[in-house]
């Protein structure tokens, strides 16, 4: 999601400078590739690149293709095929032994729901959404591009390129199914003598990390969240600690006592909580409140004996945390990386949350026999 945010920022800067732009999107991958479908990169006519569609091997050639799309004001699909292990003839040294299809779309700012406008819509609202992009592997001159953004109950349409009513009906039904199933798909549609391919992408809201605590050990954690494009919220009762000067990269900073700490927090499936105030009374009150709400992850800094003490005291006061509720509590928080410094602890915490989000076991990749990406 950070990639999309940076692309939008770069587009707005280029727009103010009067520069033309094109959006490059990986719409299909066969075999091994550094980036998967949905990776994006913005190219300006003066050669600036924001985002990435590969590990750096495609960007040079992609720049040329993007500039051509801008010059001709026409969507273009480019295929990089290195399955024959002869990368050199492409001049891109992919080295991944895969086929990558990339769609280049010049952005017309006059079109209300152009691809960048649809991306901005996704960023501005904390809603799950589906983005549908059409392309043709058969006819390189017929590239529809990014067409629909669907988030219940709204459907936004890029009207720059028209499609048939048959394709519109079928693809919208598939997009709604993707929204319900929460899994991106690729699908081909047969229309008369043509096959139209699509990438129907399920997009989640930005990850929201709510951190209770504003000590020095929170500083590197917020920096890592910012690096990943996660939205960090700081909540602490100390005015001297919870300041914008200390946490310039935090999205929100709230000064609050423990009893009212959740008043300004929006909670959804992309919200994750970290408790690290180093104040036992504050922590146990936060745990009491979090145990009573519907959330997926509660990370608490400190040893297990502290957690067990909290469970016992809460139970004595009438708040019993059952086994299903305990399943979402991660304490001690973080992966076992041998972390000691605040920076290492922040890395451990972020790594655990990332593994939790992607439902991975955080094992070394060299022990994995199947493909890295399913």
Protein backbone atom coordinates (compact mmCIF):
# COMPACT_ATOMS: atom_id res chain seq x y z
CA UNK A 1 0.00 0.00 0.00
CA UNK A 2 2.94 2.34 0.59
CA UNK A 3 3.82 1.96 -3.08
CA UNK A 4 0.38 3.25 -4.06
CA UNK A 5 0.69 6.16 -1.62
CA UNK A 6 4.08 7.16 -3.04
CA UNK A 7 2.77 6.87 -6.60
CA UNK A 8 -0.11 9.21 -5.79
CA UNK A 9 2.27 11.74 -4.22
CA UNK A 10 4.56 11.65 -7.26
CA UNK A 11 1.62 12.02 -9.62
CA UNK A 12 0.37 15.11 -7.80
CA UNK A 13 3.85 16.67 -7.94
CA UNK A 14 4.17 15.88 -11.65
CA UNK A 15 0.69 17.24 -12.26
CA UNK A 16 1.62 20.57 -10.63
CA UNK A 17 4.74 20.71 -12.78
CA UNK A 18 2.74 20.06 -15.93
CA UNK A 19 4.48 16.74 -16.60
CA UNK A 20 2.76 13.86 -18.35
CA UNK A 21 2.79 10.47 -16.65
CA UNK A 22 2.13 6.79 -17.26
CA UNK A 23 1.27 4.02 -14.82
CA UNK A 24 2.99 0.66 -15.28
CA UNK A 25 1.18 -2.29 -13.70
CA UNK A 26 2.21 -5.94 -13.57
CA UNK A 27 -1.04 -7.60 -14.69
CA UNK A 28 0.09 -11.20 -15.09
CA UNK A 29 3.05 -13.38 -14.12
CA UNK A 30 3.82 -16.94 -15.23
CA UNK A 31 6.66 -18.69 -13.43
CA UNK A 32 9.18 -16.90 -11.23
CA UNK A 33 9.39 -13.13 -10.91
CA UNK A 34 10.62 -10.65 -8.30
CA UNK A 35 7.23 -8.83 -8.20
CA UNK A 36 3.76 -10.29 -8.55
CA UNK A 37 0.61 -9.07 -10.28
CA UNK A 38 -0.48 -5.76 -8.77
CA UNK A 39 3.01 -4.24 -8.54
CA UNK A 40 3.00 -0.70 -9.91
CA UNK A 41 5.33 2.06 -11.00
CA UNK A 42 4.66 5.65 -12.07
CA UNK A 43 6.79 7.13 -14.83
CA UNK A 44 6.96 10.84 -15.61
CA UNK A 45 7.94 12.21 -19.00
CA UNK A 46 11.21 13.52 -17.57
CA UNK A 47 12.21 9.99 -16.53
CA UNK A 48 11.35 9.89 -12.81
CA UNK A 49 10.29 6.48 -11.48
CA UNK A 50 8.16 5.84 -8.38
CA UNK A 51 7.42 2.31 -7.26
CA UNK A 52 8.83 -0.87 -8.77
CA UNK A 53 7.74 -3.60 -11.16
CA UNK A 54 10.82 -5.78 -10.65
CA UNK A 55 13.97 -5.99 -8.60
CA UNK A 56 15.48 -3.28 -10.81
CA UNK A 57 16.14 -5.32 -13.94
CA UNK A 58 13.04 -4.22 -15.87
CA UNK A 59 12.87 -0.57 -14.93
CA UNK A 60 15.32 0.70 -17.56
CA UNK A 61 13.50 -0.91 -20.47
CA UNK A 62 10.10 -0.17 -18.90
CA UNK A 63 11.00 3.53 -18.84
CA UNK A 64 11.35 3.49 -22.62
CA UNK A 65 8.03 1.69 -23.05
CA UNK A 66 6.28 4.10 -20.68
CA UNK A 67 7.62 7.14 -22.51
CA UNK A 68 6.36 5.64 -25.77
CA UNK A 69 2.91 5.13 -24.24
CA UNK A 70 2.95 8.77 -23.07
CA UNK A 71 4.09 10.00 -26.50
CA UNK A 72 1.45 7.98 -28.38
CA UNK A 73 -1.17 8.56 -25.64
CA UNK A 74 -2.12 4.91 -25.88
CA UNK A 75 -2.23 1.93 -23.50
CA UNK A 76 0.48 -0.61 -24.23
CA UNK A 77 1.11 -4.17 -23.05
CA UNK A 78 4.70 -5.39 -22.93
CA UNK A 79 5.74 -8.98 -22.28
CA UNK A 80 9.13 -9.97 -20.86
CA UNK A 81 9.76 -13.68 -21.41
CA UNK A 82 12.90 -15.29 -20.01
CA UNK A 83 11.73 -18.88 -19.72
CA UNK A 84 14.34 -19.91 -22.30
CA UNK A 85 17.08 -18.72 -19.87
CA UNK A 86 18.43 -16.35 -22.51
CA UNK A 87 17.88 -13.03 -20.75
CA UNK A 88 20.62 -11.24 -22.62
CA UNK A 89 18.67 -10.91 -25.86
CA UNK A 90 16.04 -8.91 -23.99
CA UNK A 91 18.64 -6.62 -22.49
CA UNK A 92 16.95 -6.77 -19.11
CA UNK A 93 18.68 -9.68 -17.31
CA UNK A 94 15.53 -10.85 -15.52
CA UNK A 95 17.19 -13.91 -14.10
CA UNK A 96 13.87 -15.18 -12.69
CA UNK A 97 12.91 -17.61 -15.48
CA UNK A 98 9.39 -16.24 -15.81
CA UNK A 99 6.99 -14.39 -18.07
CA UNK A 100 5.89 -10.94 -16.93
CA UNK A 101 3.12 -8.95 -18.62
CA UNK A 102 3.15 -5.22 -17.87
CA UNK A 103 0.46 -2.75 -18.86
CA UNK A 104 1.45 0.88 -19.47
CA UNK A 105 -1.35 3.44 -19.15
CA UNK A 106 -0.81 7.15 -19.90
CA UNK A 107 -2.76 9.12 -17.31
CA UNK A 108 -5.25 11.68 -18.55
CA UNK A 109 -6.01 13.91 -15.58
CA UNK A 110 -9.17 15.16 -17.33
CA UNK A 111 -10.76 11.71 -17.00
CA UNK A 112 -12.63 11.66 -13.69
CA UNK A 113 -11.93 8.02 -12.79
CA UNK A 114 -8.54 7.53 -14.38
CA UNK A 115 -6.30 4.82 -12.83
CA UNK A 116 -4.60 7.24 -10.41
CA UNK A 117 -7.96 8.66 -9.31
CA UNK A 118 -9.16 5.13 -8.54
CA UNK A 119 -6.01 4.44 -6.52
CA UNK A 120 -6.59 7.68 -4.58
CA UNK A 121 -10.10 6.50 -3.79
CA UNK A 122 -8.69 3.28 -2.32
CA UNK A 123 -6.21 5.17 -0.12
CA UNK A 124 -8.71 7.75 1.12
CA UNK A 125 -11.20 5.24 2.52
CA UNK A 126 -10.62 2.36 4.95
CA UNK A 127 -12.63 -0.06 2.86
CA UNK A 128 -11.90 -3.32 1.12
CA UNK A 129 -12.09 -2.81 -2.62
CA UNK A 130 -11.60 -4.53 -5.96
CA UNK A 131 -9.77 -3.02 -8.92
CA UNK A 132 -10.37 -4.58 -12.34
CA UNK A 133 -7.85 -4.15 -15.15
CA UNK A 134 -8.39 -5.51 -18.68
CA UNK A 135 -5.70 -6.36 -21.22
CA UNK A 136 -5.26 -8.48 -24.33
CA UNK A 137 -2.45 -10.95 -24.97
CA UNK A 138 -3.74 -11.56 -28.49
CA UNK A 139 -4.18 -8.02 -29.80
CA UNK A 140 -1.49 -5.64 -28.57
CA UNK A 141 -3.46 -2.72 -30.02
CA UNK A 142 -6.53 -3.43 -27.86
CA UNK A 143 -5.69 -2.64 -24.24
CA UNK A 144 -8.66 -1.48 -22.18
CA UNK A 145 -6.67 -0.82 -19.00
CA UNK A 146 -7.83 -0.12 -15.45
CA UNK A 147 -11.61 0.02 -15.67
CA UNK A 148 -13.52 -0.53 -12.41
CA UNK A 149 -13.19 0.11 -8.70
CA UNK A 150 -15.79 -1.69 -6.64
CA UNK A 151 -16.36 -1.23 -2.91
CA UNK A 152 -19.82 -1.94 -1.63
CA UNK A 153 -22.10 -0.36 -2.58
CA UNK A 154 -20.12 1.89 -4.93
CA UNK A 155 -18.85 1.14 -8.45
CA UNK A 156 -16.56 3.70 -10.08
CA UNK A 157 -15.81 3.44 -13.79
CA UNK A 158 -12.98 4.77 -15.93
CA UNK A 159 -14.87 5.90 -19.04
CA UNK A 160 -11.81 6.45 -21.21
CA UNK A 161 -12.27 3.09 -22.97
CA UNK A 162 -15.66 1.51 -23.66
CA UNK A 163 -16.42 -2.19 -23.21
CA UNK A 164 -19.32 -4.37 -24.26
CA UNK A 165 -22.31 -4.84 -22.01
CA UNK A 166 -21.58 -8.57 -21.92
CA UNK A 167 -18.05 -8.02 -20.61
CA UNK A 168 -19.28 -5.37 -18.18
CA UNK A 169 -21.92 -7.66 -16.68
CA UNK A 170 -19.66 -10.71 -16.34
CA UNK A 171 -16.66 -8.84 -14.99
CA UNK A 172 -18.67 -6.92 -12.40
CA UNK A 173 -20.15 -10.16 -11.10
CA UNK A 174 -16.65 -11.63 -10.84
CA UNK A 175 -15.38 -8.50 -9.08
CA UNK A 176 -18.15 -8.75 -6.48
CA UNK A 177 -17.18 -12.40 -5.91
CA UNK A 178 -13.56 -11.37 -5.42
CA UNK A 179 -14.68 -8.77 -2.89
CA UNK A 180 -16.59 -11.46 -0.99
CA UNK A 181 -13.83 -14.09 -1.19
CA UNK A 182 -10.98 -11.60 -0.55
CA UNK A 183 -8.64 -13.23 -3.08
CA UNK A 184 -7.35 -11.65 -6.31
CA UNK A 185 -7.87 -13.63 -9.51
CA UNK A 186 -6.93 -13.56 -13.19
CA UNK A 187 -9.66 -14.43 -15.66
CA UNK A 188 -10.13 -14.60 -19.42
CA UNK A 189 -13.34 -13.61 -21.19
CA UNK A 190 -14.33 -14.87 -24.67
CA UNK A 191 -15.90 -12.11 -26.74
CA UNK A 192 -16.71 -13.01 -30.33
CA UNK A 193 -13.30 -13.52 -31.96
CA UNK A 194 -11.26 -12.07 -29.06
CA UNK A 195 -10.05 -13.18 -25.68
CA UNK A 196 -9.91 -10.40 -23.11
CA UNK A 197 -7.80 -11.07 -20.03
CA UNK A 198 -8.31 -9.40 -16.68
CA UNK A 199 -6.59 -8.96 -13.36
CA UNK A 200 -9.26 -8.60 -10.67
CA UNK A 201 -7.36 -7.37 -7.65
CA UNK A 202 -8.58 -7.50 -4.07
CA UNK A 203 -7.15 -4.52 -2.16
CA UNK A 204 -7.18 -4.25 1.63
CA UNK A 205 -7.12 -0.99 3.59
CA UNK A 206 -3.80 0.32 4.86
CA UNK A 207 -2.52 -1.62 7.87
CA UNK A 208 -3.21 0.34 11.07
CA UNK A 209 -0.87 -0.18 14.03
CA UNK A 210 -2.19 1.23 17.31
CA UNK A 211 0.65 1.56 19.83
CA UNK A 212 -0.08 2.20 23.49
CA UNK A 213 3.08 3.83 24.78
CA UNK A 214 5.36 6.67 23.76
CA UNK A 215 8.69 5.67 25.25
CA UNK A 216 12.02 5.74 23.47
CA UNK A 217 11.63 2.10 22.41
CA UNK A 218 8.56 3.09 20.38
CA UNK A 219 10.57 5.47 18.16
CA UNK A 220 12.21 2.79 15.95
CA UNK A 221 8.93 0.87 15.84
CA UNK A 222 7.11 3.86 14.36
CA UNK A 223 9.97 4.40 11.90
CA UNK A 224 9.68 0.79 10.70
CA UNK A 225 5.92 1.10 10.36
CA UNK A 226 6.38 4.21 8.25
CA UNK A 227 8.96 2.43 6.09
CA UNK A 228 6.45 -0.33 5.39
CA UNK A 229 3.63 2.09 4.68
CA UNK A 230 1.71 1.11 7.82
CA UNK A 231 -0.32 3.81 9.58
CA UNK A 232 0.88 4.18 13.18
CA UNK A 233 -1.21 5.68 15.97
CA UNK A 234 0.41 6.59 19.30
CA UNK A 235 -1.67 6.66 22.50
CA UNK A 236 -0.12 7.60 25.84
CA UNK A 237 -1.08 9.54 28.95
CA UNK A 238 2.16 11.56 29.08
CA UNK A 239 2.10 14.90 27.29
CA UNK A 240 5.87 15.12 27.50
CA UNK A 241 6.28 11.88 25.53
CA UNK A 242 3.40 11.74 23.05
CA UNK A 243 4.45 14.65 20.83
CA UNK A 244 4.70 15.25 17.09
CA UNK A 245 8.31 16.33 17.55
CA UNK A 246 9.21 12.88 18.87
CA UNK A 247 6.98 10.92 16.49
CA UNK A 248 7.05 12.83 13.22
CA UNK A 249 6.21 9.67 11.24
CA UNK A 250 3.14 8.77 13.29
CA UNK A 251 -0.22 9.20 11.60
CA UNK A 252 -2.08 10.08 14.80
CA UNK A 253 -1.01 10.95 18.34
CA UNK A 254 -3.51 10.93 21.21
CA UNK A 255 -2.93 11.86 24.84
CA UNK A 256 -5.34 9.86 26.94
CA UNK A 257 -5.76 7.98 30.16
CA UNK A 258 -6.19 4.23 29.85
CA UNK A 259 -9.95 4.27 30.48
CA UNK A 260 -10.60 6.45 27.40
CA UNK A 261 -7.73 5.29 25.20
CA UNK A 262 -9.89 3.58 22.56
CA UNK A 263 -12.29 6.47 21.97
CA UNK A 264 -10.48 7.77 18.88
CA UNK A 265 -9.53 4.41 17.37
CA UNK A 266 -11.21 2.94 14.30
CA UNK A 267 -11.07 -0.85 14.50
CA UNK A 268 -11.30 -3.21 11.53
CA UNK A 269 -9.58 -6.35 10.23
CA UNK A 270 -6.49 -4.34 9.34
CA UNK A 271 -6.06 -2.90 12.86
CA UNK A 272 -3.35 -4.37 15.10
CA UNK A 273 -2.63 -3.40 18.70
CA UNK A 274 0.69 -3.15 20.55
CA UNK A 275 0.81 -2.52 24.30
CA UNK A 276 4.17 -1.20 25.53
CA UNK A 277 3.63 1.65 27.98
CA UNK A 278 5.88 0.15 30.72
CA UNK A 279 3.07 1.12 33.09
CA UNK A 280 1.45 -2.00 34.53
CA UNK A 281 -1.82 -0.35 35.53
CA UNK A 282 -2.18 1.30 32.11
CA UNK A 283 -1.37 -1.96 30.32
CA UNK A 284 -3.84 -4.08 32.28
CA UNK A 285 -6.67 -1.62 31.65
CA UNK A 286 -5.89 -1.61 27.93
CA UNK A 287 -5.84 -5.41 27.93
CA UNK A 288 -9.21 -5.47 29.68
CA UNK A 289 -10.75 -3.29 26.99
CA UNK A 290 -9.10 -5.03 24.04
CA UNK A 291 -10.15 -8.46 25.28
CA UNK A 292 -13.78 -7.37 25.01
CA UNK A 293 -13.69 -6.14 21.40
CA UNK A 294 -13.42 -7.87 18.05
CA UNK A 295 -9.78 -7.58 16.99
CA UNK A 296 -7.27 -10.01 15.49
CA UNK A 297 -3.98 -9.24 17.19
CA UNK A 298 -2.93 -7.85 20.58
CA UNK A 299 0.81 -7.74 21.21
CA UNK A 300 2.04 -7.04 24.74
CA UNK A 301 5.63 -6.24 25.61
CA UNK A 302 6.99 -8.05 28.64
CA UNK A 303 7.51 -11.55 30.09
CA UNK A 304 4.86 -14.25 30.27
CA UNK A 305 4.62 -13.98 34.04
CA UNK A 306 3.40 -10.40 33.61
CA UNK A 307 0.69 -11.61 31.24
CA UNK A 308 -0.41 -14.41 33.57
CA UNK A 309 -0.56 -11.93 36.44
CA UNK A 310 -2.80 -9.71 34.31
CA UNK A 311 -5.11 -12.64 33.54
CA UNK A 312 -5.39 -13.50 37.24
CA UNK A 313 -6.09 -9.93 38.34
CA UNK A 314 -8.65 -9.32 35.59
CA UNK A 315 -10.40 -12.57 36.50
CA UNK A 316 -10.55 -11.54 40.16
CA UNK A 317 -12.20 -8.27 39.09
CA UNK A 318 -14.79 -9.99 36.92
CA UNK A 319 -13.14 -9.92 33.49
CA UNK A 320 -12.48 -13.51 32.47
CA UNK A 321 -10.46 -13.96 29.28
CA UNK A 322 -11.31 -17.32 27.72
CA UNK A 323 -9.07 -19.45 25.51
CA UNK A 324 -10.44 -18.09 22.25
CA UNK A 325 -9.65 -14.55 23.40
CA UNK A 326 -6.18 -15.59 24.56
CA UNK A 327 -5.43 -16.91 21.05
CA UNK A 328 -5.27 -13.35 19.74
CA UNK A 329 -2.87 -12.18 22.48
CA UNK A 330 0.83 -12.34 21.61
CA UNK A 331 3.02 -11.93 24.65
CA UNK A 332 5.94 -11.73 24.82
CA UNK A 333 5.45 -9.88 21.55
CA UNK A 334 7.74 -10.51 18.58
CA UNK A 335 9.68 -13.28 16.88
CA UNK A 336 12.66 -14.97 18.51
CA UNK A 337 15.45 -13.04 16.76
CA UNK A 338 17.70 -12.61 19.78
CA UNK A 339 16.65 -8.97 19.94
CA UNK A 340 18.02 -6.74 22.70
CA UNK A 341 18.16 -3.14 21.48
CA UNK A 342 15.00 -1.14 20.85
CA UNK A 343 15.71 -1.27 17.11
CA UNK A 344 16.07 -5.05 17.17
CA UNK A 345 12.93 -5.42 19.26
CA UNK A 346 11.03 -3.23 16.77
CA UNK A 347 12.22 -5.49 13.95
CA UNK A 348 11.07 -8.55 15.91
CA UNK A 349 7.63 -7.04 16.49
CA UNK A 350 7.12 -5.92 12.90
CA UNK A 351 8.28 -9.30 11.60
CA UNK A 352 5.76 -11.12 13.77
CA UNK A 353 2.90 -8.89 12.64
CA UNK A 354 3.89 -9.34 8.99
CA UNK A 355 3.98 -13.14 9.42
CA UNK A 356 0.60 -13.01 11.17
CA UNK A 357 -0.96 -10.91 8.39
CA UNK A 358 0.28 -13.23 5.64
CA UNK A 359 -0.37 -16.39 7.69
CA UNK A 360 3.25 -17.53 7.37
CA UNK A 361 5.41 -19.36 9.89
CA UNK A 362 8.47 -17.11 9.44
CA UNK A 363 10.79 -20.02 8.66
CA UNK A 364 13.97 -19.46 6.57
CA UNK A 365 13.12 -19.46 2.86
CA UNK A 366 15.88 -21.98 2.18
CA UNK A 367 13.78 -24.56 4.06
CA UNK A 368 10.77 -23.95 1.83
CA UNK A 369 10.43 -26.53 -0.95
CA UNK A 370 7.53 -24.93 -2.86
CA UNK A 371 7.46 -21.52 -4.55
CA UNK A 372 7.92 -18.46 -2.36
CA UNK A 373 4.63 -17.01 -3.63
CA UNK A 374 1.68 -19.32 -4.03
